[in-house]
C-alpha atoms as a PDB file:
ATOM      1  CA  MET A   1      20.495   3.688  -4.321  1.00  0.00           C
ATOM      2  CA  HIS A   2      20.475   1.485  -1.180  1.00  0.00           C
ATOM      3  CA  SER A   3      17.625   0.272   0.716  1.00  0.00           C
ATOM      4  CA  ASP A   4      17.083  -2.033   3.329  1.00  0.00           C
ATOM      5  CA  PHE A   5      14.655  -3.915   0.928  1.00  0.00           C
ATOM      6  CA  ASP A   6      17.005  -4.425  -1.417  1.00  0.00           C
ATOM      7  CA  VAL A   7      17.589  -7.768   0.886  1.00  0.00           C
ATOM      8  CA  ALA A   8      14.289  -8.636   0.091  1.00  0.00           C
ATOM      9  CA  ALA A   9      13.979  -7.481  -3.754  1.00  0.00           C
ATOM     10  CA  ALA A  10      14.778 -11.345  -4.985  1.00  0.00           C
ATOM     11  CA  GLN A  11      12.121 -13.231  -2.850  1.00  0.00           C
ATOM     12  CA  TYR A  12       9.545 -10.610  -2.462  1.00  0.00           C
ATOM     13  CA  ASP A  13       7.248 -12.024  -5.316  1.00  0.00           C
ATOM     14  CA  ASN A  14       7.395 -15.915  -4.310  1.00  0.00           C
ATOM     15  CA  THR A  15       6.895 -14.468  -0.598  1.00  0.00           C
ATOM     16  CA  PHE A  16       3.968 -11.715  -1.292  1.00  0.00           C
ATOM     17  CA  THR A  17       3.095 -11.030  -5.038  1.00  0.00           C
ATOM     18  CA  TYR A  18       2.103 -14.621  -5.883  1.00  0.00           C
ATOM     19  CA  SER A  19       1.293 -15.962  -2.762  1.00  0.00           C
ATOM     20  CA  ASN A  20      -2.418 -16.830  -1.890  1.00  0.00           C
ATOM     21  CA  ILE A  21      -2.498 -13.949   0.602  1.00  0.00           C
ATOM     22  CA  GLY A  22      -1.153 -11.413  -1.600  1.00  0.00           C
ATOM     23  CA  LYS A  23      -3.296 -12.038  -4.163  1.00  0.00           C
ATOM     24  CA  ALA A  24      -6.498 -12.418  -1.907  1.00  0.00           C
ATOM     25  CA  GLN A  25      -5.819  -8.602  -0.620  1.00  0.00           C
ATOM     26  CA  ARG A  26      -4.407  -7.020  -3.729  1.00  0.00           C
ATOM     27  CA  ALA A  27      -7.755  -8.011  -5.889  1.00  0.00           C
ATOM     28  CA  ARG A  28      -9.732  -6.576  -2.525  1.00  0.00           C
ATOM     29  CA  VAL A  29      -7.860  -2.991  -3.622  1.00  0.00           C
ATOM     30  CA  PHE A  30      -8.251  -3.227  -7.184  1.00  0.00           C
ATOM     31  CA  LYS A  31     -12.188  -3.717  -6.746  1.00  0.00           C
ATOM     32  CA  TYR A  32     -12.369  -0.491  -4.756  1.00  0.00           C
ATOM     33  CA  ILE A  33     -10.076   1.474  -7.230  1.00  0.00           C
ATOM     34  CA  ASN A  34     -11.236  -0.208 -10.519  1.00  0.00           C
ATOM     35  CA  PRO A  35     -13.673   2.899 -10.731  1.00  0.00           C
ATOM     36  CA  ILE A  36     -10.874   5.618 -11.112  1.00  0.00           C
ATOM     37  CA  ILE A  37      -8.479   3.338 -13.095  1.00  0.00           C
ATOM     38  CA  GLN A  38     -10.931   1.663 -15.447  1.00  0.00           C
ATOM     39  CA  GLN A  39     -12.218   4.400 -17.353  1.00  0.00           C
ATOM     40  CA  ALA A  40     -11.953   5.742 -21.210  1.00  0.00           C
ATOM     41  CA  HIS A  41      -9.901   9.162 -19.984  1.00  0.00           C
ATOM     42  CA  LYS A  42      -6.772   7.491 -19.678  1.00  0.00           C
ATOM     43  CA  LEU A  43      -4.815   9.018 -16.692  1.00  0.00           C
ATOM     44  CA  SER A  44      -0.923  10.144 -15.279  1.00  0.00           C
ATOM     45  CA  ILE A  45      -0.106   8.110 -12.812  1.00  0.00           C
ATOM     46  CA  LEU A  46       2.862   7.921  -9.921  1.00  0.00           C
ATOM     47  CA  GLU A  47       3.054   4.781  -7.816  1.00  0.00           C
ATOM     48  CA  LEU A  48       5.530   5.366  -5.005  1.00  0.00           C
ATOM     49  CA  ASN A  49       6.784   2.364  -3.318  1.00  0.00           C
ATOM     50  CA  CYS A  50       6.040   0.218  -6.320  1.00  0.00           C
ATOM     51  CA  GLY A  51       8.010  -2.806  -4.954  1.00  0.00           C
ATOM     52  CA  THR A  52       8.305  -5.120  -8.208  1.00  0.00           C
ATOM     53  CA  GLY A  53       6.075  -3.526  -9.937  1.00  0.00           C
ATOM     54  CA  ALA A  54       2.775  -5.686 -10.009  1.00  0.00           C
ATOM     55  CA  ASP A  55       0.385  -2.905  -9.806  1.00  0.00           C
ATOM     56  CA  ALA A  56       2.085  -0.198 -12.161  1.00  0.00           C
ATOM     57  CA  ILE A  57       1.894  -2.873 -14.905  1.00  0.00           C
ATOM     58  CA  GLU A  58      -1.509  -3.445 -14.673  1.00  0.00           C
ATOM     59  CA  PHE A  59      -2.285   0.220 -14.554  1.00  0.00           C
ATOM     60  CA  ALA A  60      -0.013   0.487 -17.785  1.00  0.00           C
ATOM     61  CA  LYS A  61      -1.567  -2.220 -19.330  1.00  0.00           C
ATOM     62  CA  LEU A  62      -5.230  -0.061 -18.936  1.00  0.00           C
ATOM     63  CA  ASN A  63      -3.255   2.363 -21.187  1.00  0.00           C
ATOM     64  CA  HIS A  64      -2.596   4.504 -18.485  1.00  0.00           C
ATOM     65  CA  HIS A  65       0.779   6.831 -18.331  1.00  0.00           C
ATOM     66  CA  VAL A  66       2.595   5.121 -15.061  1.00  0.00           C
ATOM     67  CA  ILE A  67       5.743   5.890 -13.462  1.00  0.00           C
ATOM     68  CA  ALA A  68       6.372   3.564 -10.810  1.00  0.00           C
ATOM     69  CA  THR A  69       8.957   4.842  -7.790  1.00  0.00           C
ATOM     70  CA  ASP A  70      10.548   2.978  -5.331  1.00  0.00           C
ATOM     71  CA  ILE A  71      13.516   3.530  -3.052  1.00  0.00           C
ATOM     72  CA  SER A  72      14.763  -0.062  -3.619  1.00  0.00           C
ATOM     73  CA  SER A  73      17.101  -0.420  -6.419  1.00  0.00           C
ATOM     74  CA  GLY A  74      16.530  -4.085  -5.713  1.00  0.00           C
ATOM     75  CA  MET A  75      13.332  -3.803  -6.154  1.00  0.00           C
ATOM     76  CA  ILE A  76      13.300  -1.530  -9.408  1.00  0.00           C
ATOM     77  CA  GLU A  77      15.721  -3.509 -11.027  1.00  0.00           C
ATOM     78  CA  VAL A  78      13.074  -7.093 -10.701  1.00  0.00           C
ATOM     79  CA  ALA A  79      10.600  -4.785 -11.895  1.00  0.00           C
ATOM     80  CA  GLN A  80      12.460  -3.191 -14.662  1.00  0.00           C
ATOM     81  CA  ALA A  81      13.275  -6.877 -15.872  1.00  0.00           C
ATOM     82  CA  LYS A  82       9.547  -7.715 -16.118  1.00  0.00           C
ATOM     83  CA  SER A  83       7.998  -7.501 -19.649  1.00  0.00           C
ATOM     84  CA  HIS A  84       5.995  -3.850 -19.524  1.00  0.00           C
ATOM     85  CA  PRO A  85       4.301  -1.793 -21.930  1.00  0.00           C
ATOM     86  CA  THR A  86       6.470   1.301 -22.973  1.00  0.00           C
ATOM     87  CA  ASN A  87       3.798   3.439 -21.416  1.00  0.00           C
ATOM     88  CA  LEU A  88       5.287   2.640 -18.215  1.00  0.00           C
ATOM     89  CA  SER A  89       8.545   3.852 -16.724  1.00  0.00           C
ATOM     90  CA  PHE A  90      10.777   2.760 -13.305  1.00  0.00           C
ATOM     91  CA  LYS A  91      12.157   5.469 -11.125  1.00  0.00           C
ATOM     92  CA  ILE A  92      14.600   4.802  -8.333  1.00  0.00           C
ATOM     93  CA  GLN A  93      13.258   8.028  -5.633  1.00  0.00           C
ATOM     94  CA  ASP A  94      13.110   8.302  -2.247  1.00  0.00           C
ATOM     95  CA  ILE A  95       9.306   9.502  -0.894  1.00  0.00           C
ATOM     96  CA  ASN A  96      11.073  12.159   1.301  1.00  0.00           C
ATOM     97  CA  THR A  97      12.685  13.461  -1.020  1.00  0.00           C
ATOM     98  CA  ILE A  98      10.316  14.085  -3.837  1.00  0.00           C
ATOM     99  CA  SER A  99       9.475  17.647  -4.593  1.00  0.00           C
ATOM    100  CA  THR A 100       7.372  19.400  -7.468  1.00  0.00           C
ATOM    101  CA  ASN A 101      10.575  19.725  -9.728  1.00  0.00           C
ATOM    102  CA  THR A 102      11.357  15.706  -9.317  1.00  0.00           C
ATOM    103  CA  PHE A 103       8.833  14.882 -12.226  1.00  0.00           C
ATOM    104  CA  GLU A 104       8.054  16.181 -15.606  1.00  0.00           C
ATOM    105  CA  CYS A 105       4.477  16.582 -15.256  1.00  0.00           C
ATOM    106  CA  LYS A 106       1.760  16.751 -12.864  1.00  0.00           C
ATOM    107  CA  PHE A 107      -0.502  13.525 -12.285  1.00  0.00           C
ATOM    108  CA  ASP A 108      -4.615  12.015 -11.825  1.00  0.00           C
ATOM    109  CA  LEU A 109      -3.542   9.757  -9.425  1.00  0.00           C
ATOM    110  CA  ILE A 110      -0.670   9.085  -6.978  1.00  0.00           C
ATOM    111  CA  PHE A 111      -0.857   5.206  -5.650  1.00  0.00           C
ATOM    112  CA  SER A 112       0.805   3.664  -3.083  1.00  0.00           C
ATOM    113  CA  ASN A 113       0.041  -0.046  -1.844  1.00  0.00           C
ATOM    114  CA  PHE A 114       0.561  -2.354   1.089  1.00  0.00           C
ATOM    115  CA  GLY A 115       2.171   0.045   3.787  1.00  0.00           C
ATOM    116  CA  GLY A 116       4.788   1.619   1.995  1.00  0.00           C
ATOM    117  CA  LEU A 117       3.327   4.763   3.835  1.00  0.00           C
ATOM    118  CA  ASN A 118       4.260   3.109   7.169  1.00  0.00           C
ATOM    119  CA  CYS A 119       7.517   3.564   6.817  1.00  0.00           C
ATOM    120  CA  LEU A 120       6.838   7.598   6.766  1.00  0.00           C
ATOM    121  CA  SER A 121       6.576   9.480  10.597  1.00  0.00           C
ATOM    122  CA  GLN A 122       4.067  11.787  11.254  1.00  0.00           C
ATOM    123  CA  ASP A 123       6.083  14.559  10.503  1.00  0.00           C
ATOM    124  CA  GLN A 124       6.908  13.164   6.932  1.00  0.00           C
ATOM    125  CA  LEU A 125       3.358  12.075   6.058  1.00  0.00           C
ATOM    126  CA  SER A 126       2.615  15.992   6.629  1.00  0.00           C
ATOM    127  CA  GLN A 127       5.216  16.634   4.951  1.00  0.00           C
ATOM    128  CA  PHE A 128       4.457  14.185   1.770  1.00  0.00           C
ATOM    129  CA  PHE A 129       0.601  15.230   1.526  1.00  0.00           C
ATOM    130  CA  HIS A 130       2.096  18.889   0.940  1.00  0.00           C
ATOM    131  CA  THR A 131       4.099  17.878  -1.467  1.00  0.00           C
ATOM    132  CA  ALA A 132       1.556  15.456  -2.979  1.00  0.00           C
ATOM    133  CA  SER A 133      -1.079  17.993  -3.144  1.00  0.00           C
ATOM    134  CA  ASN A 134       1.547  20.001  -5.398  1.00  0.00           C
ATOM    135  CA  LEU A 135       2.332  17.053  -7.920  1.00  0.00           C
ATOM    136  CA  LEU A 136      -1.494  16.479  -8.531  1.00  0.00           C
ATOM    137  CA  LEU A 137      -3.601  17.934 -10.828  1.00  0.00           C
ATOM    138  CA  PRO A 138      -6.668  19.881 -10.203  1.00  0.00           C
ATOM    139  CA  LYS A 139      -9.607  17.397  -8.586  1.00  0.00           C
ATOM    140  CA  GLY A 140      -6.208  14.713  -8.576  1.00  0.00           C
ATOM    141  CA  LYS A 141      -6.450  11.874  -6.427  1.00  0.00           C
ATOM    142  CA  MET A 142      -4.479   9.738  -4.147  1.00  0.00           C
ATOM    143  CA  ALA A 143      -5.366   5.604  -3.175  1.00  0.00           C
ATOM    144  CA  LEU A 144      -3.214   4.938  -0.793  1.00  0.00           C
ATOM    145  CA  VAL A 145      -3.216   1.591   1.350  1.00  0.00           C
ATOM    146  CA  ILE A 146      -1.824   1.359   5.130  1.00  0.00           C
ATOM    147  CA  MET A 147      -1.587  -1.093   7.730  1.00  0.00           C
ATOM    148  CA  PRO A 148      -4.096   0.098  10.554  1.00  0.00           C
ATOM    149  CA  LYS A 149      -3.327   0.017  14.764  1.00  0.00           C
ATOM    150  CA  HIS A 150      -5.590  -2.896  15.453  1.00  0.00           C
ATOM    151  CA  CYS A 151      -5.671  -5.887  13.168  1.00  0.00           C
ATOM    152  CA  ILE A 152      -7.837  -8.331  14.437  1.00  0.00           C
ATOM    153  CA  TRP A 153      -5.583 -11.157  12.808  1.00  0.00           C
ATOM    154  CA  GLU A 154      -2.347 -10.207  14.308  1.00  0.00           C
ATOM    155  CA  ARG A 155      -3.861  -9.835  17.653  1.00  0.00           C
ATOM    156  CA  LEU A 156      -5.590 -12.804  17.679  1.00  0.00           C
ATOM    157  CA  TYR A 157      -2.262 -15.023  16.193  1.00  0.00           C
ATOM    158  CA  PHE A 158       0.259 -13.667  18.618  1.00  0.00           C
ATOM    159  CA  SER A 159      -2.343 -13.812  21.598  1.00  0.00           C
ATOM    160  CA  ILE A 160      -2.723 -17.429  20.828  1.00  0.00           C
ATOM    161  CA  LYS A 161       0.867 -17.716  20.942  1.00  0.00           C
ATOM    162  CA  ARG A 162       0.715 -16.009  24.521  1.00  0.00           C
ATOM    163  CA  ASP A 163       3.501 -12.981  22.656  1.00  0.00           C
ATOM    164  CA  SER A 164       1.926 -10.231  24.088  1.00  0.00           C
ATOM    165  CA  ASN A 165       4.591  -7.502  22.586  1.00  0.00           C
ATOM    166  CA  LYS A 166       3.342  -8.358  18.805  1.00  0.00           C
ATOM    167  CA  ALA A 167      -0.250  -8.883  20.037  1.00  0.00           C
ATOM    168  CA  ASN A 168      -0.458  -5.310  20.528  1.00  0.00           C
ATOM    169  CA  ARG A 169       2.909  -3.854  18.587  1.00  0.00           C
ATOM    170  CA  ARG A 170       0.797  -1.882  16.525  1.00  0.00           C
ATOM    171  CA  ASN A 171      -1.297  -0.011  19.033  1.00  0.00           C
ATOM    172  CA  THR A 172       1.114   2.744  19.630  1.00  0.00           C
ATOM    173  CA  ASN A 173       1.807   6.248  18.101  1.00  0.00           C
ATOM    174  CA  GLU A 174       6.019   5.179  18.016  1.00  0.00           C
ATOM    175  CA  ASN A 175       7.655   3.413  15.781  1.00  0.00           C
ATOM    176  CA  VAL A 176       8.137  -0.366  15.767  1.00  0.00           C
ATOM    177  CA  ILE A 177      10.469  -2.399  14.421  1.00  0.00           C
ATOM    178  CA  ALA A 178       8.590  -4.640  11.790  1.00  0.00           C
ATOM    179  CA  ASN A 179      10.427  -7.935   9.728  1.00  0.00           C
ATOM    180  CA  VAL A 180       9.935  -7.780   6.008  1.00  0.00           C
ATOM    181  CA  ASP A 181      11.084 -10.496   4.919  1.00  0.00           C
ATOM    182  CA  GLY A 182      14.011 -11.365   7.222  1.00  0.00           C
ATOM    183  CA  VAL A 183      14.575  -7.242   6.926  1.00  0.00           C
ATOM    184  CA  ASN A 184      14.074  -5.077  10.104  1.00  0.00           C
ATOM    185  CA  VAL A 185      12.361  -1.847   9.032  1.00  0.00           C
ATOM    186  CA  LYS A 186      11.110   0.917  11.161  1.00  0.00           C
ATOM    187  CA  THR A 187       7.442   1.237  11.024  1.00  0.00           C
ATOM    188  CA  TRP A 188       4.439   3.700  11.912  1.00  0.00           C
ATOM    189  CA  TYR A 189       0.748   2.304  11.943  1.00  0.00           C
ATOM    190  CA  TYR A 190      -2.656   4.631  11.206  1.00  0.00           C
ATOM    191  CA  ASN A 191      -5.893   4.323  11.414  1.00  0.00           C
ATOM    192  CA  PRO A 192      -7.801   6.282   8.904  1.00  0.00           C
ATOM    193  CA  LYS A 193      -8.808   8.982  10.950  1.00  0.00           C
ATOM    194  CA  ASP A 194      -5.081   9.589  11.721  1.00  0.00           C
ATOM    195  CA  ILE A 195      -4.532   9.492   7.397  1.00  0.00           C
ATOM    196  CA  SER A 196      -7.465  12.121   7.235  1.00  0.00           C
ATOM    197  CA  ALA A 197      -6.393  13.967  10.012  1.00  0.00           C
ATOM    198  CA  LEU A 198      -2.732  14.696   8.481  1.00  0.00           C
ATOM    199  CA  ALA A 199      -3.707  15.133   4.853  1.00  0.00           C
ATOM    200  CA  ARG A 200      -6.855  17.238   5.884  1.00  0.00           C
ATOM    201  CA  GLU A 201      -4.900  20.783   4.749  1.00  0.00           C
ATOM    202  CA  HIS A 202      -4.885  19.367   1.189  1.00  0.00           C
ATOM    203  CA  PHE A 203      -7.289  16.490   0.740  1.00  0.00           C
ATOM    204  CA  ILE A 204     -10.969  15.239   1.404  1.00  0.00           C
ATOM    205  CA  PRO A 205     -11.335  11.815   2.048  1.00  0.00           C
ATOM    206  CA  LYS A 206     -13.557  10.024  -0.342  1.00  0.00           C
ATOM    207  CA  LYS A 207     -13.537   6.362   0.145  1.00  0.00           C
ATOM    208  CA  ILE A 208     -12.167   4.335   3.451  1.00  0.00           C
ATOM    209  CA  LYS A 209     -12.159   0.689   2.981  1.00  0.00           C
ATOM    210  CA  PRO A 210     -10.780  -2.413   4.911  1.00  0.00           C
ATOM    211  CA  ILE A 211      -8.338  -4.779   3.049  1.00  0.00           C
ATOM    212  CA  GLY A 212      -7.974  -8.060   4.901  1.00  0.00           C
ATOM    213  CA  VAL A 213     -10.393  -7.788   7.743  1.00  0.00           C
ATOM    214  CA  THR A 214     -10.244 -11.672   7.497  1.00  0.00           C
ATOM    215  CA  ILE A 215      -7.833 -12.557   4.515  1.00  0.00           C
ATOM    216  CA  PRO A 216      -4.869 -13.213   7.233  1.00  0.00           C
ATOM    217  CA  PRO A 217      -1.562 -10.603   7.341  1.00  0.00           C
ATOM    218  CA  SER A 218       1.350 -11.975   4.774  1.00  0.00           C
ATOM    219  CA  TYR A 219       3.486 -13.670   7.331  1.00  0.00           C
ATOM    220  CA  LEU A 220       0.723 -16.313   7.670  1.00  0.00           C
ATOM    221  CA  GLU A 221       1.031 -17.735   3.859  1.00  0.00           C
ATOM    222  CA  ASN A 222       2.697 -21.185   5.345  1.00  0.00           C
ATOM    223  CA  SER A 223      -0.119 -21.493   7.931  1.00  0.00           C
ATOM    224  CA  LEU A 224      -3.837 -22.944   7.614  1.00  0.00           C
ATOM    225  CA  ALA A 225      -5.362 -19.756   6.869  1.00  0.00           C
ATOM    226  CA  ALA A 226      -3.542 -19.637   3.528  1.00  0.00           C
ATOM    227  CA  LYS A 227      -4.875 -22.883   2.380  1.00  0.00           C
ATOM    228  CA  PHE A 228      -7.943 -23.988   0.702  1.00  0.00           C
ATOM    229  CA  PRO A 229     -10.627 -24.376   1.623  1.00  0.00           C
ATOM    230  CA  ILE A 230      -9.782 -21.738   4.246  1.00  0.00           C
ATOM    231  CA  ILE A 231      -8.413 -18.575   2.629  1.00  0.00           C
ATOM    232  CA  SER A 232     -11.672 -19.220   0.011  1.00  0.00           C
ATOM    233  CA  ILE A 233     -14.063 -18.606   3.195  1.00  0.00           C
ATOM    234  CA  CYS A 234     -11.710 -15.921   4.495  1.00  0.00           C
ATOM    235  CA  LYS A 235     -12.196 -14.019   0.944  1.00  0.00           C
ATOM    236  CA  GLY A 236     -15.864 -14.434   1.100  1.00  0.00           C
ATOM    237  CA  LEU A 237     -16.096 -12.927   4.312  1.00  0.00           C
ATOM    238  CA  ASP A 238     -13.681 -10.193   3.257  1.00  0.00           C
ATOM    239  CA  SER A 239     -15.974  -9.166   0.452  1.00  0.00           C
ATOM    240  CA  ILE A 240     -19.147  -9.274   3.052  1.00  0.00           C
ATOM    241  CA  LEU A 241     -17.309  -6.923   5.623  1.00  0.00           C
ATOM    242  CA  THR A 242     -16.777  -4.182   3.502  1.00  0.00           C
ATOM    243  CA  ALA A 243     -17.902  -1.249   5.697  1.00  0.00           C
ATOM    244  CA  SER A 244     -15.287   1.720   6.538  1.00  0.00           C
ATOM    245  CA  ILE A 245     -15.813   0.779  10.165  1.00  0.00           C
ATOM    246  CA  PHE A 246     -14.092  -2.450  10.192  1.00  0.00           C
ATOM    247  CA  SER A 247     -11.086  -0.484   8.756  1.00  0.00           C
ATOM    248  CA  LYS A 248      -9.128  -0.328  11.621  1.00  0.00           C
ATOM    249  CA  TYR A 249      -9.416  -3.873  12.308  1.00  0.00           C
ATOM    250  CA  ALA A 250      -7.780  -5.119   9.171  1.00  0.00           C
ATOM    251  CA  ASP A 251      -4.407  -6.182   8.030  1.00  0.00           C
ATOM    252  CA  HIS A 252      -4.543  -2.575   5.721  1.00  0.00           C
ATOM    253  CA  PHE A 253      -7.188  -0.233   4.603  1.00  0.00           C
ATOM    254  CA  LEU A 254      -7.576   1.936   1.357  1.00  0.00           C
ATOM    255  CA  ILE A 255      -8.000   5.540   1.928  1.00  0.00           C
ATOM    256  CA  ILE A 256      -9.296   7.256  -1.168  1.00  0.00           C
ATOM    257  CA  LEU A 257      -8.202  11.423  -0.928  1.00  0.00           C
ATOM    258  CA  GLU A 258      -8.913  14.132  -3.422  1.00  0.00           C
ATOM    259  CA  LYS A 259      -7.204  17.095  -3.711  1.00  0.00           C
ATOM    260  CA  LYS A 260      -8.997  20.382  -2.394  1.00  0.00           C
ATOM    261  CA  SER A 261      -9.833  23.183  -5.225  1.00  0.00           C
END
C-alpha cells in the first residue's frame, strides 16, 4: 500500500526514533504506560501507526503478543528488517479500513504513538473509536499520543522567527498541511477534551498526561535546544510538569481511555 510516509521511512529512525528529542519524548510516554505493560499478565496489543516498530519491539520484548500496523509499506519494511521477537507481527493496514473482521483476535490494549491519529478528521476519529470499542476485550484500554492545539514551544519558536501563521497553525478545527521529514501531511490537532468528547460514547478517560511541555518538537533536533545540557534541563522540567492541565500546551499528550462495560 503506497503512502506519503514511504518517502520518510528510510530516514525516520535517524531523524526521530534515535534523536535526542525522540528518545526523550518516548521515555515520557513509557513512564506513563508502564503500569499497563509492566505486569505479569501478558497482553494482546494492537499498535496503530507503528512507524518503524520501535514501540512494538519493546512491547514484544516484555512477552506481550503484538500486532503492529501502519499504512506505509516503507515503514513496515524498515520495521520488519529489525531484529524482533516472534510474538510480534507487522501488517500494512490503513486505519480507516479496519473492521472487526480485520484481525482474528480481540485486544487488551490499542496503542498509537506520536500523532498518528492526527491524520484523521473528526468524522474519521469518531468512526475509529466505534471500531476500536469492538476490537477491545471487556475493560480493554487505548493509550493514544496526540498533538494538541496550543504547543508552547511551537508558538514561541515561530513567534521569534516572526512567522505568525506557523506560530498559530495548530489552533484551528480545520486541517493543516504539516511537513513530516519532507512530506506534506494533512493534519488535524485535538486537545484532550476534544478526544474525550469524540470517544465518550464508547470510552471513559482514565489518564491524561503532557508529553513535551519543555522537551521541544522534533523539528528542533538540530538546534541548541536538543543539545546537552539544555535537553537534560528540558527533560528534568518535563518530569515535574506532569499535571493534566499542561497537556494542551505540550508538543504531544497521552490519553488513556477504558472501554465502557
